[in-house]
Amino acid sequence: MTLWNAVLLASVICVALKAVGYLLPARWVEAPRPARIADLLTVALLAALVAVQTLGAGQAVVVDARIPAVLVAGGLLAVRAPFLVVVVAAAVTAALLRLWGWAA
């Protein structure tokens, strides 16, 4: 299967899932349990994306300056720092670690 076939298949599946969502009765979607599952699933997917982007480089797991930068960003977000401060602090952390030769 070529890449474009996979993209087209994924697009058709997404449209089908969206259509099925419109066909479900509203009481199923508005119930507390599905709403809670959707909330938790969103957080889990975002956490997985952050982990893959932080630790991944192709097929390998890489430990470099991104890990301390994400930890700095997480700490600043935990104390409710402004988003711009979080981004700048994480970028400076990664840049300094790379400058000092800790990461490639």
PDB file of N, CA and C in Angstrom:
ATOM      1  N   MET A   1       0.853  -1.177   0.000  1.00  0.00           N
ATOM      2  CA  MET A   1       0.000   0.000   0.000  1.00  0.00           C
ATOM      3  C   MET A   1       0.898   1.238   0.000  1.00  0.00           C
ATOM      4  N   THR A   2       0.623   2.135  -0.897  1.00  0.00           N
ATOM      5  CA  THR A   2       1.414   3.352  -0.955  1.00  0.00           C
ATOM      6  C   THR A   2       0.965   4.317   0.131  1.00  0.00           C
ATOM      7  N   LEU A   3       1.768   5.321   0.330  1.00  0.00           N
ATOM      8  CA  LEU A   3       1.457   6.316   1.360  1.00  0.00           C
ATOM      9  C   LEU A   3       0.148   7.031   1.060  1.00  0.00           C
ATOM     10  N   TRP A   4      -0.082   7.367  -0.208  1.00  0.00           N
ATOM     11  CA  TRP A   4      -1.310   8.092  -0.554  1.00  0.00           C
ATOM     12  C   TRP A   4      -2.541   7.227  -0.336  1.00  0.00           C
ATOM     13  N   ASN A   5      -2.423   5.935  -0.594  1.00  0.00           N
ATOM     14  CA  ASN A   5      -3.561   5.046  -0.325  1.00  0.00           C
ATOM     15  C   ASN A   5      -3.870   5.016   1.169  1.00  0.00           C
ATOM     16  N   ALA A   6      -2.836   4.992   1.982  1.00  0.00           N
ATOM     17  CA  ALA A   6      -3.032   4.999   3.434  1.00  0.00           C
ATOM     18  C   ALA A   6      -3.671   6.304   3.895  1.00  0.00           C
ATOM     19  N   VAL A   7      -3.232   7.421   3.314  1.00  0.00           N
ATOM     20  CA  VAL A   7      -3.810   8.720   3.669  1.00  0.00           C
ATOM     21  C   VAL A   7      -5.283   8.771   3.269  1.00  0.00           C
ATOM     22  N   LEU A   8      -5.606   8.308   2.074  1.00  0.00           N
ATOM     23  CA  LEU A   8      -6.994   8.296   1.616  1.00  0.00           C
ATOM     24  C   LEU A   8      -7.855   7.379   2.474  1.00  0.00           C
ATOM     25  N   LEU A   9      -7.340   6.221   2.833  1.00  0.00           N
ATOM     26  CA  LEU A   9      -8.085   5.301   3.691  1.00  0.00           C
ATOM     27  C   LEU A   9      -8.338   5.915   5.066  1.00  0.00           C
ATOM     28  N   ALA A  10      -7.326   6.547   5.635  1.00  0.00           N
ATOM     29  CA  ALA A  10      -7.498   7.203   6.933  1.00  0.00           C
ATOM     30  C   ALA A  10      -8.509   8.332   6.847  1.00  0.00           C
ATOM     31  N   SER A  11      -8.514   9.067   5.742  1.00  0.00           N
ATOM     32  CA  SER A  11      -9.483  10.153   5.558  1.00  0.00           C
ATOM     33  C   SER A  11     -10.903   9.622   5.481  1.00  0.00           C
ATOM     34  N   VAL A  12     -11.095   8.537   4.758  1.00  0.00           N
ATOM     35  CA  VAL A  12     -12.430   7.933   4.652  1.00  0.00           C
ATOM     36  C   VAL A  12     -12.889   7.426   6.011  1.00  0.00           C
ATOM     37  N   ILE A  13     -11.994   6.827   6.772  1.00  0.00           N
ATOM     38  CA  ILE A  13     -12.351   6.340   8.109  1.00  0.00           C
ATOM     39  C   ILE A  13     -12.738   7.501   9.019  1.00  0.00           C
ATOM     40  N   CYS A  14     -12.005   8.600   8.948  1.00  0.00           N
ATOM     41  CA  CYS A  14     -12.328   9.777   9.779  1.00  0.00           C
ATOM     42  C   CYS A  14     -13.695  10.346   9.431  1.00  0.00           C
ATOM     43  N   VAL A  15     -13.993  10.449   8.149  1.00  0.00           N
ATOM     44  CA  VAL A  15     -15.304  10.961   7.739  1.00  0.00           C
ATOM     45  C   VAL A  15     -16.408  10.005   8.191  1.00  0.00           C
ATOM     46  N   ALA A  16     -16.173   8.707   8.085  1.00  0.00           N
ATOM     47  CA  ALA A  16     -17.172   7.730   8.529  1.00  0.00           C
ATOM     48  C   ALA A  16     -17.409   7.822  10.036  1.00  0.00           C
ATOM     49  N   LEU A  17     -16.334   7.978  10.805  1.00  0.00           N
ATOM     50  CA  LEU A  17     -16.494   8.124  12.255  1.00  0.00           C
ATOM     51  C   LEU A  17     -17.259   9.392  12.610  1.00  0.00           C
ATOM     52  N   LYS A  18     -17.005  10.451  11.889  1.00  0.00           N
ATOM     53  CA  LYS A  18     -17.730  11.700  12.138  1.00  0.00           C
ATOM     54  C   LYS A  18     -19.206  11.527  11.809  1.00  0.00           C
ATOM     55  N   ALA A  19     -19.517  10.847  10.719  1.00  0.00           N
ATOM     56  CA  ALA A  19     -20.909  10.606  10.345  1.00  0.00           C
ATOM     57  C   ALA A  19     -21.611   9.743  11.387  1.00  0.00           C
ATOM     58  N   VAL A  20     -20.923   8.733  11.902  1.00  0.00           N
ATOM     59  CA  VAL A  20     -21.505   7.883  12.948  1.00  0.00           C
ATOM     60  C   VAL A  20     -21.786   8.711  14.202  1.00  0.00           C
ATOM     61  N   GLY A  21     -20.918   9.663  14.495  1.00  0.00           N
ATOM     62  CA  GLY A  21     -21.124  10.527  15.654  1.00  0.00           C
ATOM     63  C   GLY A  21     -22.414  11.324  15.560  1.00  0.00           C
ATOM     64  N   TYR A  22     -22.771  11.752  14.360  1.00  0.00           N
ATOM     65  CA  TYR A  22     -24.018  12.497  14.182  1.00  0.00           C
ATOM     66  C   TYR A  22     -25.243  11.590  14.308  1.00  0.00           C
ATOM     67  N   LEU A  23     -25.069  10.304  14.068  1.00  0.00           N
ATOM     68  CA  LEU A  23     -26.195   9.376  14.131  1.00  0.00           C
ATOM     69  C   LEU A  23     -26.486   8.881  15.544  1.00  0.00           C
ATOM     70  N   LEU A  24     -25.541   9.048  16.465  1.00  0.00           N
ATOM     71  CA  LEU A  24     -25.754   8.599  17.842  1.00  0.00           C
ATOM     72  C   LEU A  24     -26.792   9.480  18.540  1.00  0.00           C
ATOM     73  N   PRO A  25     -27.627   8.883  19.376  1.00  0.00           N
ATOM     74  CA  PRO A  25     -28.572   9.700  20.149  1.00  0.00           C
ATOM     75  C   PRO A  25     -27.824  10.642  21.091  1.00  0.00           C
ATOM     76  N   ALA A  26     -28.368  11.838  21.285  1.00  0.00           N
ATOM     77  CA  ALA A  26     -27.712  12.855  22.116  1.00  0.00           C
ATOM     78  C   ALA A  26     -27.534  12.383  23.550  1.00  0.00           C
ATOM     79  N   ARG A  27     -28.454  11.587  24.054  1.00  0.00           N
ATOM     80  CA  ARG A  27     -28.349  11.148  25.453  1.00  0.00           C
ATOM     81  C   ARG A  27     -27.130  10.251  25.684  1.00  0.00           C
ATOM     82  N   TRP A  28     -26.677   9.541  24.651  1.00  0.00           N
ATOM     83  CA  TRP A  28     -25.480   8.717  24.797  1.00  0.00           C
ATOM     84  C   TRP A  28     -24.236   9.579  24.941  1.00  0.00           C
ATOM     85  N   VAL A  29     -24.179  10.647  24.179  1.00  0.00           N
ATOM     86  CA  VAL A  29     -22.996  11.507  24.164  1.00  0.00           C
ATOM     87  C   VAL A  29     -22.956  12.412  25.392  1.00  0.00           C
ATOM     88  N   GLU A  30     -24.115  12.835  25.863  1.00  0.00           N
ATOM     89  CA  GLU A  30     -24.183  13.780  26.975  1.00  0.00           C
ATOM     90  C   GLU A  30     -24.149  13.110  28.345  1.00  0.00           C
ATOM     91  N   ALA A  31     -24.136  11.808  28.385  1.00  0.00           N
ATOM     92  CA  ALA A  31     -24.062  11.100  29.665  1.00  0.00           C
ATOM     93  C   ALA A  31     -22.706  11.364  30.323  1.00  0.00           C
ATOM     94  N   PRO A  32     -22.642  11.301  31.660  1.00  0.00           N
ATOM     95  CA  PRO A  32     -21.381  11.614  32.346  1.00  0.00           C
ATOM     96  C   PRO A  32     -20.223  10.677  31.987  1.00  0.00           C
ATOM     97  N   ARG A  33     -20.491   9.405  31.828  1.00  0.00           N
ATOM     98  CA  ARG A  33     -19.403   8.457  31.575  1.00  0.00           C
ATOM     99  C   ARG A  33     -18.706   8.700  30.232  1.00  0.00           C
ATOM    100  N   PRO A  34     -19.430   8.810  29.105  1.00  0.00           N
ATOM    101  CA  PRO A  34     -18.728   9.098  27.842  1.00  0.00           C
ATOM    102  C   PRO A  34     -17.997  10.444  27.859  1.00  0.00           C
ATOM    103  N   ALA A  35     -18.567  11.431  28.539  1.00  0.00           N
ATOM    104  CA  ALA A  35     -17.891  12.730  28.622  1.00  0.00           C
ATOM    105  C   ALA A  35     -16.587  12.597  29.399  1.00  0.00           C
ATOM    106  N   ARG A  36     -16.595  11.848  30.475  1.00  0.00           N
ATOM    107  CA  ARG A  36     -15.383  11.639  31.275  1.00  0.00           C
ATOM    108  C   ARG A  36     -14.330  10.866  30.481  1.00  0.00           C
ATOM    109  N   ILE A  37     -14.768   9.844  29.758  1.00  0.00           N
ATOM    110  CA  ILE A  37     -13.840   9.060  28.936  1.00  0.00           C
ATOM    111  C   ILE A  37     -13.209   9.943  27.859  1.00  0.00           C
ATOM    112  N   ALA A  38     -14.015  10.790  27.231  1.00  0.00           N
ATOM    113  CA  ALA A  38     -13.482  11.682  26.192  1.00  0.00           C
ATOM    114  C   ALA A  38     -12.463  12.657  26.780  1.00  0.00           C
ATOM    115  N   ASP A  39     -12.752  13.179  27.975  1.00  0.00           N
ATOM    116  CA  ASP A  39     -11.793  14.085  28.627  1.00  0.00           C
ATOM    117  C   ASP A  39     -10.476  13.384  28.925  1.00  0.00           C
ATOM    118  N   LEU A  40     -10.546  12.184  29.483  1.00  0.00           N
ATOM    119  CA  LEU A  40      -9.332  11.445  29.830  1.00  0.00           C
ATOM    120  C   LEU A  40      -8.567  11.003  28.586  1.00  0.00           C
ATOM    121  N   LEU A  41      -9.286  10.641  27.540  1.00  0.00           N
ATOM    122  CA  LEU A  41      -8.640  10.213  26.309  1.00  0.00           C
ATOM    123  C   LEU A  41      -7.863  11.363  25.669  1.00  0.00           C
ATOM    124  N   THR A  42      -8.414  12.562  25.740  1.00  0.00           N
ATOM    125  CA  THR A  42      -7.725  13.736  25.202  1.00  0.00           C
ATOM    126  C   THR A  42      -6.403  13.968  25.927  1.00  0.00           C
ATOM    127  N   VAL A  43      -6.424  13.890  27.242  1.00  0.00           N
ATOM    128  CA  VAL A  43      -5.203  14.090  28.031  1.00  0.00           C
ATOM    129  C   VAL A  43      -4.185  12.994  27.734  1.00  0.00           C
ATOM    130  N   ALA A  44      -4.642  11.753  27.630  1.00  0.00           N
ATOM    131  CA  ALA A  44      -3.727  10.640  27.356  1.00  0.00           C
ATOM    132  C   ALA A  44      -3.077  10.778  25.984  1.00  0.00           C
ATOM    133  N   LEU A  45      -3.849  11.169  24.984  1.00  0.00           N
ATOM    134  CA  LEU A  45      -3.278  11.344  23.646  1.00  0.00           C
ATOM    135  C   LEU A  45      -2.278  12.492  23.597  1.00  0.00           C
ATOM    136  N   LEU A  46      -2.569  13.581  24.281  1.00  0.00           N
ATOM    137  CA  LEU A  46      -1.628  14.701  24.319  1.00  0.00           C
ATOM    138  C   LEU A  46      -0.341  14.306  25.044  1.00  0.00           C
ATOM    139  N   ALA A  47      -0.466  13.571  26.152  1.00  0.00           N
ATOM    140  CA  ALA A  47       0.726  13.113  26.877  1.00  0.00           C
ATOM    141  C   ALA A  47       1.563  12.177  26.014  1.00  0.00           C
ATOM    142  N   ALA A  48       0.916  11.299  25.262  1.00  0.00           N
ATOM    143  CA  ALA A  48       1.647  10.390  24.377  1.00  0.00           C
ATOM    144  C   ALA A  48       2.357  11.161  23.270  1.00  0.00           C
ATOM    145  N   LEU A  49       1.709  12.179  22.731  1.00  0.00           N
ATOM    146  CA  LEU A  49       2.338  12.998  21.698  1.00  0.00           C
ATOM    147  C   LEU A  49       3.571  13.715  22.231  1.00  0.00           C
ATOM    148  N   VAL A  50       3.464  14.272  23.430  1.00  0.00           N
ATOM    149  CA  VAL A  50       4.615  14.959  24.044  1.00  0.00           C
ATOM    150  C   VAL A  50       5.756  13.964  24.269  1.00  0.00           C
ATOM    151  N   ALA A  51       5.433  12.771  24.765  1.00  0.00           N
ATOM    152  CA  ALA A  51       6.473  11.769  25.020  1.00  0.00           C
ATOM    153  C   ALA A  51       7.161  11.338  23.730  1.00  0.00           C
ATOM    154  N   VAL A  52       6.397  11.107  22.687  1.00  0.00           N
ATOM    155  CA  VAL A  52       6.986  10.670  21.418  1.00  0.00           C
ATOM    156  C   VAL A  52       7.852  11.774  20.812  1.00  0.00           C
ATOM    157  N   GLN A  53       7.378  13.011  20.860  1.00  0.00           N
ATOM    158  CA  GLN A  53       8.148  14.108  20.287  1.00  0.00           C
ATOM    159  C   GLN A  53       9.390  14.436  21.116  1.00  0.00           C
ATOM    160  N   THR A  54       9.342  14.168  22.419  1.00  0.00           N
ATOM    161  CA  THR A  54      10.482  14.457  23.280  1.00  0.00           C
ATOM    162  C   THR A  54      11.541  13.371  23.197  1.00  0.00           C
ATOM    163  N   LEU A  55      11.122  12.120  23.182  1.00  0.00           N
ATOM    164  CA  LEU A  55      12.072  11.012  23.263  1.00  0.00           C
ATOM    165  C   LEU A  55      12.386  10.358  21.924  1.00  0.00           C
ATOM    166  N   GLY A  56      11.599  10.649  20.910  1.00  0.00           N
ATOM    167  CA  GLY A  56      11.758   9.927  19.662  1.00  0.00           C
ATOM    168  C   GLY A  56      12.615  10.637  18.642  1.00  0.00           C
ATOM    169  N   ALA A  57      13.361   9.836  17.916  1.00  0.00           N
ATOM    170  CA  ALA A  57      14.118  10.309  16.753  1.00  0.00           C
ATOM    171  C   ALA A  57      14.125   9.146  15.771  1.00  0.00           C
ATOM    172  N   GLY A  58      13.154   9.128  14.885  1.00  0.00           N
ATOM    173  CA  GLY A  58      13.008   7.992  13.979  1.00  0.00           C
ATOM    174  C   GLY A  58      12.524   6.788  14.755  1.00  0.00           C
ATOM    175  N   GLN A  59      13.269   5.702  14.673  1.00  0.00           N
ATOM    176  CA  GLN A  59      12.908   4.471  15.380  1.00  0.00           C
ATOM    177  C   GLN A  59      13.628   4.336  16.717  1.00  0.00           C
ATOM    178  N   ALA A  60      14.439   5.306  17.082  1.00  0.00           N
ATOM    179  CA  ALA A  60      15.250   5.208  18.297  1.00  0.00           C
ATOM    180  C   ALA A  60      14.711   6.130  19.391  1.00  0.00           C
ATOM    181  N   VAL A  61      15.055   5.784  20.616  1.00  0.00           N
ATOM    182  CA  VAL A  61      14.764   6.630  21.771  1.00  0.00           C
ATOM    183  C   VAL A  61      16.035   7.430  22.059  1.00  0.00           C
ATOM    184  N   VAL A  62      15.894   8.755  22.116  1.00  0.00           N
ATOM    185  CA  VAL A  62      17.041   9.628  22.271  1.00  0.00           C
ATOM    186  C   VAL A  62      16.883  10.454  23.542  1.00  0.00           C
ATOM    187  N   VAL A  63      17.939  10.448  24.353  1.00  0.00           N
ATOM    188  CA  VAL A  63      17.957  11.292  25.551  1.00  0.00           C
ATOM    189  C   VAL A  63      18.887  12.452  25.253  1.00  0.00           C
ATOM    190  N   ASP A  64      18.306  13.641  25.120  1.00  0.00           N
ATOM    191  CA  ASP A  64      19.108  14.822  24.821  1.00  0.00           C
ATOM    192  C   ASP A  64      18.532  16.023  25.574  1.00  0.00           C
ATOM    193  N   ALA A  65      18.785  17.210  25.081  1.00  0.00           N
ATOM    194  CA  ALA A  65      18.398  18.442  25.783  1.00  0.00           C
ATOM    195  C   ALA A  65      16.898  18.672  25.827  1.00  0.00           C
ATOM    196  N   ARG A  66      16.133  17.928  25.031  1.00  0.00           N
ATOM    197  CA  ARG A  66      14.682  18.119  25.038  1.00  0.00           C
ATOM    198  C   ARG A  66      14.049  17.694  26.356  1.00  0.00           C
ATOM    199  N   ILE A  67      14.615  16.680  27.007  1.00  0.00           N
ATOM    200  CA  ILE A  67      14.018  16.182  28.258  1.00  0.00           C
ATOM    201  C   ILE A  67      14.095  17.233  29.369  1.00  0.00           C
ATOM    202  N   PRO A  68      15.263  17.799  29.668  1.00  0.00           N
ATOM    203  CA  PRO A  68      15.270  18.864  30.676  1.00  0.00           C
ATOM    204  C   PRO A  68      14.422  20.068  30.273  1.00  0.00           C
ATOM    205  N   ALA A  69      14.368  20.378  28.985  1.00  0.00           N
ATOM    206  CA  ALA A  69      13.560  21.510  28.531  1.00  0.00           C
ATOM    207  C   ALA A  69      12.078  21.259  28.806  1.00  0.00           C
ATOM    208  N   VAL A  70      11.616  20.048  28.557  1.00  0.00           N
ATOM    209  CA  VAL A  70      10.212  19.711  28.844  1.00  0.00           C
ATOM    210  C   VAL A  70       9.961  19.718  30.349  1.00  0.00           C
ATOM    211  N   LEU A  71      10.926  19.260  31.128  1.00  0.00           N
ATOM    212  CA  LEU A  71      10.768  19.296  32.589  1.00  0.00           C
ATOM    213  C   LEU A  71      10.687  20.736  33.104  1.00  0.00           C
ATOM    214  N   VAL A  72      11.507  21.618  32.553  1.00  0.00           N
ATOM    215  CA  VAL A  72      11.445  23.036  32.927  1.00  0.00           C
ATOM    216  C   VAL A  72      10.073  23.605  32.552  1.00  0.00           C
ATOM    217  N   ALA A  73       9.622  23.298  31.348  1.00  0.00           N
ATOM    218  CA  ALA A  73       8.315  23.793  30.908  1.00  0.00           C
ATOM    219  C   ALA A  73       7.202  23.257  31.800  1.00  0.00           C
ATOM    220  N   GLY A  74       7.263  21.984  32.155  1.00  0.00           N
ATOM    221  CA  GLY A  74       6.247  21.402  33.039  1.00  0.00           C
ATOM    222  C   GLY A  74       6.240  22.056  34.407  1.00  0.00           C
ATOM    223  N   GLY A  75       7.430  22.318  34.943  1.00  0.00           N
ATOM    224  CA  GLY A  75       7.512  22.976  36.245  1.00  0.00           C
ATOM    225  C   GLY A  75       6.938  24.387  36.208  1.00  0.00           C
ATOM    226  N   LEU A  76       7.261  25.112  35.148  1.00  0.00           N
ATOM    227  CA  LEU A  76       6.731  26.471  35.038  1.00  0.00           C
ATOM    228  C   LEU A  76       5.213  26.469  34.809  1.00  0.00           C
ATOM    229  N   LEU A  77       4.722  25.506  34.063  1.00  0.00           N
ATOM    230  CA  LEU A  77       3.271  25.408  33.887  1.00  0.00           C
ATOM    231  C   LEU A  77       2.584  25.040  35.198  1.00  0.00           C
ATOM    232  N   ALA A  78       3.261  24.235  36.023  1.00  0.00           N
ATOM    233  CA  ALA A  78       2.679  23.842  37.310  1.00  0.00           C
ATOM    234  C   ALA A  78       2.518  25.035  38.245  1.00  0.00           C
ATOM    235  N   VAL A  79       3.426  26.003  38.137  1.00  0.00           N
ATOM    236  CA  VAL A  79       3.306  27.205  38.974  1.00  0.00           C
ATOM    237  C   VAL A  79       2.567  28.330  38.252  1.00  0.00           C
ATOM    238  N   ARG A  80       1.949  27.985  37.124  1.00  0.00           N
ATOM    239  CA  ARG A  80       1.095  28.905  36.362  1.00  0.00           C
ATOM    240  C   ARG A  80       1.843  30.121  35.810  1.00  0.00           C
ATOM    241  N   ALA A  81       3.020  29.883  35.281  1.00  0.00           N
ATOM    242  CA  ALA A  81       3.770  30.960  34.624  1.00  0.00           C
ATOM    243  C   ALA A  81       3.106  31.272  33.282  1.00  0.00           C
ATOM    244  N   PRO A  82       3.265  32.486  32.782  1.00  0.00           N
ATOM    245  CA  PRO A  82       2.715  32.822  31.461  1.00  0.00           C
ATOM    246  C   PRO A  82       3.318  31.930  30.376  1.00  0.00           C
ATOM    247  N   PHE A  83       2.520  31.636  29.366  1.00  0.00           N
ATOM    248  CA  PHE A  83       2.940  30.694  28.329  1.00  0.00           C
ATOM    249  C   PHE A  83       4.203  31.153  27.613  1.00  0.00           C
ATOM    250  N   LEU A  84       4.317  32.422  27.329  1.00  0.00           N
ATOM    251  CA  LEU A  84       5.511  32.929  26.648  1.00  0.00           C
ATOM    252  C   LEU A  84       6.759  32.697  27.499  1.00  0.00           C
ATOM    253  N   VAL A  85       6.637  32.874  28.800  1.00  0.00           N
ATOM    254  CA  VAL A  85       7.768  32.619  29.711  1.00  0.00           C
ATOM    255  C   VAL A  85       8.134  31.136  29.679  1.00  0.00           C
ATOM    256  N   VAL A  86       7.137  30.281  29.645  1.00  0.00           N
ATOM    257  CA  VAL A  86       7.377  28.823  29.598  1.00  0.00           C
ATOM    258  C   VAL A  86       8.142  28.454  28.329  1.00  0.00           C
ATOM    259  N   VAL A  87       7.693  28.961  27.203  1.00  0.00           N
ATOM    260  CA  VAL A  87       8.332  28.626  25.923  1.00  0.00           C
ATOM    261  C   VAL A  87       9.769  29.148  25.879  1.00  0.00           C
ATOM    262  N   VAL A  88       9.972  30.380  26.298  1.00  0.00           N
ATOM    263  CA  VAL A  88      11.312  30.964  26.267  1.00  0.00           C
ATOM    264  C   VAL A  88      12.247  30.219  27.226  1.00  0.00           C
ATOM    265  N   ALA A  89      11.777  29.910  28.426  1.00  0.00           N
ATOM    266  CA  ALA A  89      12.610  29.202  29.402  1.00  0.00           C
ATOM    267  C   ALA A  89      12.996  27.816  28.898  1.00  0.00           C
ATOM    268  N   ALA A  90      12.056  27.103  28.288  1.00  0.00           N
ATOM    269  CA  ALA A  90      12.367  25.773  27.755  1.00  0.00           C
ATOM    270  C   ALA A  90      13.361  25.869  26.601  1.00  0.00           C
ATOM    271  N   ALA A  91      13.186  26.858  25.735  1.00  0.00           N
ATOM    272  CA  ALA A  91      14.112  27.031  24.612  1.00  0.00           C
ATOM    273  C   ALA A  91      15.506  27.400  25.097  1.00  0.00           C
ATOM    274  N   VAL A  92      15.591  28.289  26.087  1.00  0.00           N
ATOM    275  CA  VAL A  92      16.892  28.680  26.635  1.00  0.00           C
ATOM    276  C   VAL A  92      17.563  27.495  27.311  1.00  0.00           C
ATOM    277  N   THR A  93      16.785  26.703  28.034  1.00  0.00           N
ATOM    278  CA  THR A  93      17.347  25.505  28.691  1.00  0.00           C
ATOM    279  C   THR A  93      17.955  24.562  27.659  1.00  0.00           C
ATOM    280  N   ALA A  94      17.201  24.251  26.608  1.00  0.00           N
ATOM    281  CA  ALA A  94      17.712  23.343  25.575  1.00  0.00           C
ATOM    282  C   ALA A  94      18.924  23.943  24.868  1.00  0.00           C
ATOM    283  N   ALA A  95      18.868  25.245  24.578  1.00  0.00           N
ATOM    284  CA  ALA A  95      19.990  25.889  23.880  1.00  0.00           C
ATOM    285  C   ALA A  95      21.260  25.881  24.720  1.00  0.00           C
ATOM    286  N   LEU A  96      21.132  26.172  26.019  1.00  0.00           N
ATOM    287  CA  LEU A  96      22.321  26.177  26.873  1.00  0.00           C
ATOM    288  C   LEU A  96      22.903  24.788  27.033  1.00  0.00           C
ATOM    289  N   LEU A  97      22.055  23.783  27.182  1.00  0.00           N
ATOM    290  CA  LEU A  97      22.559  22.414  27.301  1.00  0.00           C
ATOM    291  C   LEU A  97      23.264  21.970  26.023  1.00  0.00           C
ATOM    292  N   ARG A  98      22.737  22.368  24.886  1.00  0.00           N
ATOM    293  CA  ARG A  98      23.411  22.029  23.636  1.00  0.00           C
ATOM    294  C   ARG A  98      24.713  22.799  23.471  1.00  0.00           C
ATOM    295  N   LEU A  99      24.720  24.056  23.907  1.00  0.00           N
ATOM    296  CA  LEU A  99      25.944  24.872  23.843  1.00  0.00           C
ATOM    297  C   LEU A  99      27.047  24.256  24.707  1.00  0.00           C
ATOM    298  N   TRP A 100      26.672  23.747  25.860  1.00  0.00           N
ATOM    299  CA  TRP A 100      27.649  23.149  26.779  1.00  0.00           C
ATOM    300  C   TRP A 100      28.019  21.721  26.395  1.00  0.00           C
ATOM    301  N   GLY A 101      27.434  21.220  25.302  1.00  0.00           N
ATOM    302  CA  GLY A 101      27.799  19.910  24.803  1.00  0.00           C
ATOM    303  C   GLY A 101      27.081  18.742  25.449  1.00  0.00           C
ATOM    304  N   TRP A 102      26.026  19.002  26.198  1.00  0.00           N
ATOM    305  CA  TRP A 102      25.310  17.906  26.847  1.00  0.00           C
ATOM    306  C   TRP A 102      24.450  17.146  25.852  1.00  0.00           C
ATOM    307  N   ALA A 103      24.035  17.813  24.804  1.00  0.00           N
ATOM    308  CA  ALA A 103      23.196  17.151  23.800  1.00  0.00           C
ATOM    309  C   ALA A 103      23.617  17.586  22.416  1.00  0.00           C
ATOM    310  N   ALA A 104      23.375  16.693  21.487  1.00  0.00           N
ATOM    311  CA  ALA A 104      23.756  16.982  20.091  1.00  0.00           C
ATOM    312  C   ALA A 104      22.798  17.958  19.442  1.00  0.00           C
TER     313      ALA A 104
END
